[in-house]
């Protein structure tokens, strides 16, 4: 998957109910890094991938590697 595709998934998971700062505080990832991931400027390292998948309650493999994985977010 490309950085852009990963960024789109991460933005969708965060939705409008959470701020970057909230996700950063919960995962130990900086706001700057999260912003770069969501904008598709950088791909998270493996440790960040695990933290984000755990935080959002999704499978790390499906989230970052499965092109057919569909993100559904409750509003």
PDB file of N, CA and C in Angstrom:
ATOM      1  N   UNK A   1       0.836  -1.181   0.000  1.00  0.00           N
ATOM      2  CA  UNK A   1       0.000   0.000   0.000  1.00  0.00           C
ATOM      3  C   UNK A   1       0.882   1.245   0.000  1.00  0.00           C
ATOM      4  N   UNK A   2       0.373   2.285  -0.589  1.00  0.00           N
ATOM      5  CA  UNK A   2       1.128   3.530  -0.633  1.00  0.00           C
ATOM      6  C   UNK A   2       0.902   4.341   0.638  1.00  0.00           C
ATOM      7  N   UNK A   3       1.776   5.301   0.866  1.00  0.00           N
ATOM      8  CA  UNK A   3       1.642   6.192   2.016  1.00  0.00           C
ATOM      9  C   UNK A   3       0.312   6.934   1.959  1.00  0.00           C
ATOM     10  N   UNK A   4      -0.107   7.315   0.765  1.00  0.00           N
ATOM     11  CA  UNK A   4      -1.372   8.030   0.598  1.00  0.00           C
ATOM     12  C   UNK A   4      -2.555   7.158   1.004  1.00  0.00           C
ATOM     13  N   UNK A   5      -2.551   5.903   0.603  1.00  0.00           N
ATOM     14  CA  UNK A   5      -3.634   4.977   0.955  1.00  0.00           C
ATOM     15  C   UNK A   5      -3.692   4.751   2.463  1.00  0.00           C
ATOM     16  N   UNK A   6      -2.527   4.601   3.071  1.00  0.00           N
ATOM     17  CA  UNK A   6      -2.472   4.426   4.514  1.00  0.00           C
ATOM     18  C   UNK A   6      -3.004   5.673   5.214  1.00  0.00           C
ATOM     19  N   UNK A   7      -2.596   6.833   4.728  1.00  0.00           N
ATOM     20  CA  UNK A   7      -3.064   8.087   5.307  1.00  0.00           C
ATOM     21  C   UNK A   7      -4.576   8.224   5.252  1.00  0.00           C
ATOM     22  N   UNK A   8      -5.169   7.843   4.136  1.00  0.00           N
ATOM     23  CA  UNK A   8      -6.625   7.906   3.990  1.00  0.00           C
ATOM     24  C   UNK A   8      -7.315   7.001   5.005  1.00  0.00           C
ATOM     25  N   UNK A   9      -6.777   5.817   5.197  1.00  0.00           N
ATOM     26  CA  UNK A   9      -7.354   4.895   6.178  1.00  0.00           C
ATOM     27  C   UNK A   9      -7.246   5.449   7.594  1.00  0.00           C
ATOM     28  N   UNK A  10      -6.093   5.999   7.923  1.00  0.00           N
ATOM     29  CA  UNK A  10      -5.906   6.533   9.268  1.00  0.00           C
ATOM     30  C   UNK A  10      -6.819   7.736   9.519  1.00  0.00           C
ATOM     31  N   UNK A  11      -6.974   8.592   8.538  1.00  0.00           N
ATOM     32  CA  UNK A  11      -7.888   9.746   8.674  1.00  0.00           C
ATOM     33  C   UNK A  11      -9.312   9.266   8.887  1.00  0.00           C
ATOM     34  N   UNK A  12      -9.697   8.260   8.118  1.00  0.00           N
ATOM     35  CA  UNK A  12     -11.054   7.732   8.226  1.00  0.00           C
ATOM     36  C   UNK A  12     -11.284   7.119   9.608  1.00  0.00           C
ATOM     37  N   UNK A  13     -10.313   6.390  10.103  1.00  0.00           N
ATOM     38  CA  UNK A  13     -10.455   5.791  11.431  1.00  0.00           C
ATOM     39  C   UNK A  13     -10.560   6.854  12.520  1.00  0.00           C
ATOM     40  N   UNK A  14      -9.766   7.897  12.409  1.00  0.00           N
ATOM     41  CA  UNK A  14      -9.806   8.949  13.434  1.00  0.00           C
ATOM     42  C   UNK A  14     -11.123   9.699  13.357  1.00  0.00           C
ATOM     43  N   UNK A  15     -11.623   9.898  12.158  1.00  0.00           N
ATOM     44  CA  UNK A  15     -12.906  10.561  11.984  1.00  0.00           C
ATOM     45  C   UNK A  15     -12.920  11.967  12.537  1.00  0.00           C
ATOM     46  N   UNK A  16     -14.091  12.419  12.905  1.00  0.00           N
ATOM     47  CA  UNK A  16     -14.251  13.773  13.436  1.00  0.00           C
ATOM     48  C   UNK A  16     -14.410  13.771  14.947  1.00  0.00           C
ATOM     49  N   UNK A  17     -14.471  12.597  15.536  1.00  0.00           N
ATOM     50  CA  UNK A  17     -14.701  12.492  16.975  1.00  0.00           C
ATOM     51  C   UNK A  17     -13.421  12.598  17.803  1.00  0.00           C
ATOM     52  N   UNK A  18     -12.268  12.428  17.150  1.00  0.00           N
ATOM     53  CA  UNK A  18     -10.984  12.465  17.857  1.00  0.00           C
ATOM     54  C   UNK A  18     -10.063  13.494  17.216  1.00  0.00           C
ATOM     55  N   UNK A  19      -9.245  14.121  18.045  1.00  0.00           N
ATOM     56  CA  UNK A  19      -8.234  15.036  17.513  1.00  0.00           C
ATOM     57  C   UNK A  19      -6.922  14.288  17.366  1.00  0.00           C
ATOM     58  N   UNK A  20      -6.016  14.859  16.592  1.00  0.00           N
ATOM     59  CA  UNK A  20      -4.676  14.278  16.485  1.00  0.00           C
ATOM     60  C   UNK A  20      -4.025  14.197  17.862  1.00  0.00           C
ATOM     61  N   UNK A  21      -4.229  15.220  18.680  1.00  0.00           N
ATOM     62  CA  UNK A  21      -3.627  15.239  20.016  1.00  0.00           C
ATOM     63  C   UNK A  21      -4.147  14.096  20.879  1.00  0.00           C
ATOM     64  N   UNK A  22      -5.430  13.780  20.777  1.00  0.00           N
ATOM     65  CA  UNK A  22      -5.990  12.675  21.560  1.00  0.00           C
ATOM     66  C   UNK A  22      -5.368  11.341  21.155  1.00  0.00           C
ATOM     67  N   UNK A  23      -5.250  11.129  19.858  1.00  0.00           N
ATOM     68  CA  UNK A  23      -4.649   9.880  19.365  1.00  0.00           C
ATOM     69  C   UNK A  23      -3.174   9.836  19.752  1.00  0.00           C
ATOM     70  N   UNK A  24      -2.493  10.965  19.637  1.00  0.00           N
ATOM     71  CA  UNK A  24      -1.075  11.026  20.001  1.00  0.00           C
ATOM     72  C   UNK A  24      -0.876  10.679  21.477  1.00  0.00           C
ATOM     73  N   UNK A  25      -1.671  11.261  22.343  1.00  0.00           N
ATOM     74  CA  UNK A  25      -1.551  10.984  23.785  1.00  0.00           C
ATOM     75  C   UNK A  25      -1.815   9.521  24.105  1.00  0.00           C
ATOM     76  N   UNK A  26      -2.773   8.930  23.428  1.00  0.00           N
ATOM     77  CA  UNK A  26      -3.144   7.539  23.697  1.00  0.00           C
ATOM     78  C   UNK A  26      -2.139   6.539  23.138  1.00  0.00           C
ATOM     79  N   UNK A  27      -1.432   6.907  22.070  1.00  0.00           N
ATOM     80  CA  UNK A  27      -0.540   5.953  21.406  1.00  0.00           C
ATOM     81  C   UNK A  27       0.943   6.209  21.662  1.00  0.00           C
ATOM     82  N   UNK A  28       1.270   7.397  22.162  1.00  0.00           N
ATOM     83  CA  UNK A  28       2.676   7.725  22.360  1.00  0.00           C
ATOM     84  C   UNK A  28       3.383   8.117  21.075  1.00  0.00           C
ATOM     85  N   UNK A  29       2.615   8.467  20.056  1.00  0.00           N
ATOM     86  CA  UNK A  29       3.153   8.917  18.777  1.00  0.00           C
ATOM     87  C   UNK A  29       2.959  10.427  18.734  1.00  0.00           C
ATOM     88  N   UNK A  30       3.930  11.154  18.226  1.00  0.00           N
ATOM     89  CA  UNK A  30       3.806  12.610  18.216  1.00  0.00           C
ATOM     90  C   UNK A  30       2.714  13.069  17.251  1.00  0.00           C
ATOM     91  N   UNK A  31       2.151  14.231  17.544  1.00  0.00           N
ATOM     92  CA  UNK A  31       1.140  14.828  16.677  1.00  0.00           C
ATOM     93  C   UNK A  31       1.727  15.056  15.285  1.00  0.00           C
ATOM     94  N   UNK A  32       2.965  15.500  15.239  1.00  0.00           N
ATOM     95  CA  UNK A  32       3.631  15.746  13.962  1.00  0.00           C
ATOM     96  C   UNK A  32       3.719  14.468  13.133  1.00  0.00           C
ATOM     97  N   UNK A  33       4.119  13.374  13.759  1.00  0.00           N
ATOM     98  CA  UNK A  33       4.225  12.102  13.035  1.00  0.00           C
ATOM     99  C   UNK A  33       2.853  11.646  12.554  1.00  0.00           C
ATOM    100  N   UNK A  34       1.842  11.733  13.423  1.00  0.00           N
ATOM    101  CA  UNK A  34       0.497  11.332  13.022  1.00  0.00           C
ATOM    102  C   UNK A  34      -0.002  12.161  11.848  1.00  0.00           C
ATOM    103  N   UNK A  35       0.262  13.444  11.887  1.00  0.00           N
ATOM    104  CA  UNK A  35      -0.133  14.321  10.798  1.00  0.00           C
ATOM    105  C   UNK A  35       0.541  13.903   9.495  1.00  0.00           C
ATOM    106  N   UNK A  36       1.822  13.599   9.566  1.00  0.00           N
ATOM    107  CA  UNK A  36       2.551  13.136   8.374  1.00  0.00           C
ATOM    108  C   UNK A  36       1.973  11.834   7.841  1.00  0.00           C
ATOM    109  N   UNK A  37       1.602  10.920   8.732  1.00  0.00           N
ATOM    110  CA  UNK A  37       1.005   9.649   8.297  1.00  0.00           C
ATOM    111  C   UNK A  37      -0.325   9.902   7.604  1.00  0.00           C
ATOM    112  N   UNK A  38      -1.168  10.721   8.216  1.00  0.00           N
ATOM    113  CA  UNK A  38      -2.491  10.977   7.655  1.00  0.00           C
ATOM    114  C   UNK A  38      -2.431  11.736   6.332  1.00  0.00           C
ATOM    115  N   UNK A  39      -1.429  12.560   6.159  1.00  0.00           N
ATOM    116  CA  UNK A  39      -1.277  13.299   4.904  1.00  0.00           C
ATOM    117  C   UNK A  39      -0.615  12.459   3.813  1.00  0.00           C
ATOM    118  N   UNK A  40      -0.153  11.274   4.170  1.00  0.00           N
ATOM    119  CA  UNK A  40       0.504  10.417   3.202  1.00  0.00           C
ATOM    120  C   UNK A  40       1.928  10.830   2.910  1.00  0.00           C
ATOM    121  N   UNK A  41       2.531  11.590   3.824  1.00  0.00           N
ATOM    122  CA  UNK A  41       3.907  12.035   3.635  1.00  0.00           C
ATOM    123  C   UNK A  41       4.926  11.020   4.138  1.00  0.00           C
ATOM    124  N   UNK A  42       4.507  10.201   5.097  1.00  0.00           N
ATOM    125  CA  UNK A  42       5.392   9.174   5.663  1.00  0.00           C
ATOM    126  C   UNK A  42       4.575   7.929   5.965  1.00  0.00           C
ATOM    127  N   UNK A  43       5.239   6.795   5.977  1.00  0.00           N
ATOM    128  CA  UNK A  43       4.626   5.530   6.375  1.00  0.00           C
ATOM    129  C   UNK A  43       5.085   5.236   7.800  1.00  0.00           C
ATOM    130  N   UNK A  44       4.167   4.853   8.680  1.00  0.00           N
ATOM    131  CA  UNK A  44       4.566   4.566  10.065  1.00  0.00           C
ATOM    132  C   UNK A  44       5.545   3.394  10.149  1.00  0.00           C
ATOM    133  N   UNK A  45       6.441   3.476  11.129  1.00  0.00           N
ATOM    134  CA  UNK A  45       7.312   2.334  11.422  1.00  0.00           C
ATOM    135  C   UNK A  45       6.449   1.226  12.011  1.00  0.00           C
ATOM    136  N   UNK A  46       7.019   0.040  12.104  1.00  0.00           N
ATOM    137  CA  UNK A  46       6.257  -1.114  12.586  1.00  0.00           C
ATOM    138  C   UNK A  46       5.689  -0.900  13.987  1.00  0.00           C
ATOM    139  N   UNK A  47       6.471  -0.293  14.883  1.00  0.00           N
ATOM    140  CA  UNK A  47       5.962  -0.076  16.245  1.00  0.00           C
ATOM    141  C   UNK A  47       4.765   0.869  16.236  1.00  0.00           C
ATOM    142  N   UNK A  48       4.823   1.904  15.407  1.00  0.00           N
ATOM    143  CA  UNK A  48       3.698   2.841  15.309  1.00  0.00           C
ATOM    144  C   UNK A  48       2.488   2.157  14.667  1.00  0.00           C
ATOM    145  N   UNK A  49       2.726   1.293  13.694  1.00  0.00           N
ATOM    146  CA  UNK A  49       1.625   0.555  13.067  1.00  0.00           C
ATOM    147  C   UNK A  49       0.893  -0.281  14.116  1.00  0.00           C
ATOM    148  N   UNK A  50       1.650  -0.958  14.958  1.00  0.00           N
ATOM    149  CA  UNK A  50       1.052  -1.792  16.004  1.00  0.00           C
ATOM    150  C   UNK A  50       0.267  -0.950  16.995  1.00  0.00           C
ATOM    151  N   UNK A  51       0.826   0.168  17.410  1.00  0.00           N
ATOM    152  CA  UNK A  51       0.138   1.049  18.366  1.00  0.00           C
ATOM    153  C   UNK A  51      -1.163   1.586  17.787  1.00  0.00           C
ATOM    154  N   UNK A  52      -1.125   2.014  16.523  1.00  0.00           N
ATOM    155  CA  UNK A  52      -2.320   2.564  15.891  1.00  0.00           C
ATOM    156  C   UNK A  52      -3.393   1.497  15.692  1.00  0.00           C
ATOM    157  N   UNK A  53      -3.000   0.332  15.232  1.00  0.00           N
ATOM    158  CA  UNK A  53      -3.966  -0.745  15.042  1.00  0.00           C
ATOM    159  C   UNK A  53      -4.602  -1.126  16.377  1.00  0.00           C
ATOM    160  N   UNK A  54      -3.801  -1.201  17.421  1.00  0.00           N
ATOM    161  CA  UNK A  54      -4.316  -1.529  18.744  1.00  0.00           C
ATOM    162  C   UNK A  54      -5.281  -0.446  19.230  1.00  0.00           C
ATOM    163  N   UNK A  55      -4.893   0.799  19.068  1.00  0.00           N
ATOM    164  CA  UNK A  55      -5.736   1.914  19.507  1.00  0.00           C
ATOM    165  C   UNK A  55      -7.097   1.890  18.806  1.00  0.00           C
ATOM    166  N   UNK A  56      -7.096   1.645  17.505  1.00  0.00           N
ATOM    167  CA  UNK A  56      -8.337   1.639  16.744  1.00  0.00           C
ATOM    168  C   UNK A  56      -9.057   0.292  16.789  1.00  0.00           C
ATOM    169  N   UNK A  57      -8.432  -0.714  17.385  1.00  0.00           N
ATOM    170  CA  UNK A  57      -9.064  -2.017  17.530  1.00  0.00           C
ATOM    171  C   UNK A  57      -9.216  -2.776  16.225  1.00  0.00           C
ATOM    172  N   UNK A  58      -8.209  -2.653  15.364  1.00  0.00           N
ATOM    173  CA  UNK A  58      -8.235  -3.344  14.082  1.00  0.00           C
ATOM    174  C   UNK A  58      -6.971  -4.181  13.930  1.00  0.00           C
ATOM    175  N   UNK A  59      -7.021  -5.121  13.005  1.00  0.00           N
ATOM    176  CA  UNK A  59      -5.874  -5.981  12.736  1.00  0.00           C
ATOM    177  C   UNK A  59      -4.798  -5.207  11.985  1.00  0.00           C
ATOM    178  N   UNK A  60      -3.570  -5.254  12.482  1.00  0.00           N
ATOM    179  CA  UNK A  60      -2.481  -4.492  11.872  1.00  0.00           C
ATOM    180  C   UNK A  60      -2.245  -4.914  10.424  1.00  0.00           C
ATOM    181  N   UNK A  61      -2.326  -6.182  10.143  1.00  0.00           N
ATOM    182  CA  UNK A  61      -2.114  -6.662   8.779  1.00  0.00           C
ATOM    183  C   UNK A  61      -3.189  -6.162   7.829  1.00  0.00           C
ATOM    184  N   UNK A  62      -4.424  -6.226   8.279  1.00  0.00           N
ATOM    185  CA  UNK A  62      -5.526  -5.756   7.437  1.00  0.00           C
ATOM    186  C   UNK A  62      -5.429  -4.249   7.219  1.00  0.00           C
ATOM    187  N   UNK A  63      -5.135  -3.515   8.278  1.00  0.00           N
ATOM    188  CA  UNK A  63      -5.092  -2.054   8.197  1.00  0.00           C
ATOM    189  C   UNK A  63      -4.004  -1.545   7.260  1.00  0.00           C
ATOM    190  N   UNK A  64      -2.820  -2.107   7.358  1.00  0.00           N
ATOM    191  CA  UNK A  64      -1.689  -1.556   6.617  1.00  0.00           C
ATOM    192  C   UNK A  64      -1.275  -2.334   5.365  1.00  0.00           C
ATOM    193  N   UNK A  65      -1.788  -3.537   5.184  1.00  0.00           N
ATOM    194  CA  UNK A  65      -1.296  -4.332   4.063  1.00  0.00           C
ATOM    195  C   UNK A  65      -2.373  -4.890   3.142  1.00  0.00           C
ATOM    196  N   UNK A  66      -3.613  -4.969   3.608  1.00  0.00           N
ATOM    197  CA  UNK A  66      -4.685  -5.570   2.814  1.00  0.00           C
ATOM    198  C   UNK A  66      -5.433  -4.497   2.028  1.00  0.00           C
ATOM    199  N   UNK A  67      -5.222  -4.466   0.732  1.00  0.00           N
ATOM    200  CA  UNK A  67      -5.866  -3.446  -0.112  1.00  0.00           C
ATOM    201  C   UNK A  67      -7.385  -3.605  -0.139  1.00  0.00           C
ATOM    202  N   UNK A  68      -7.887  -4.798   0.146  1.00  0.00           N
ATOM    203  CA  UNK A  68      -9.330  -5.053   0.103  1.00  0.00           C
ATOM    204  C   UNK A  68     -10.011  -4.792   1.440  1.00  0.00           C
ATOM    205  N   UNK A  69      -9.255  -4.449   2.463  1.00  0.00           N
ATOM    206  CA  UNK A  69      -9.833  -4.198   3.788  1.00  0.00           C
ATOM    207  C   UNK A  69     -10.649  -2.919   3.755  1.00  0.00           C
ATOM    208  N   UNK A  70     -11.853  -2.980   4.266  1.00  0.00           N
ATOM    209  CA  UNK A  70     -12.751  -1.829   4.274  1.00  0.00           C
ATOM    210  C   UNK A  70     -12.855  -1.277   5.683  1.00  0.00           C
ATOM    211  N   UNK A  71     -12.689   0.024   5.797  1.00  0.00           N
ATOM    212  CA  UNK A  71     -12.794   0.711   7.090  1.00  0.00           C
ATOM    213  C   UNK A  71     -14.243   1.137   7.273  1.00  0.00           C
ATOM    214  N   UNK A  72     -14.836   0.734   8.373  1.00  0.00           N
ATOM    215  CA  UNK A  72     -16.163   1.232   8.714  1.00  0.00           C
ATOM    216  C   UNK A  72     -16.063   1.928  10.061  1.00  0.00           C
ATOM    217  N   UNK A  73     -16.607   3.121  10.114  1.00  0.00           N
ATOM    218  CA  UNK A  73     -16.522   3.941  11.312  1.00  0.00           C
ATOM    219  C   UNK A  73     -17.919   4.292  11.771  1.00  0.00           C
ATOM    220  N   UNK A  74     -18.156   4.079  13.060  1.00  0.00           N
ATOM    221  CA  UNK A  74     -19.444   4.463  13.621  1.00  0.00           C
ATOM    222  C   UNK A  74     -19.473   5.967  13.830  1.00  0.00           C
ATOM    223  N   UNK A  75     -20.576   6.587  13.484  1.00  0.00           N
ATOM    224  CA  UNK A  75     -20.700   8.026  13.669  1.00  0.00           C
ATOM    225  C   UNK A  75     -21.689   8.359  14.753  1.00  0.00           C
TER     226      UNK A  75
END
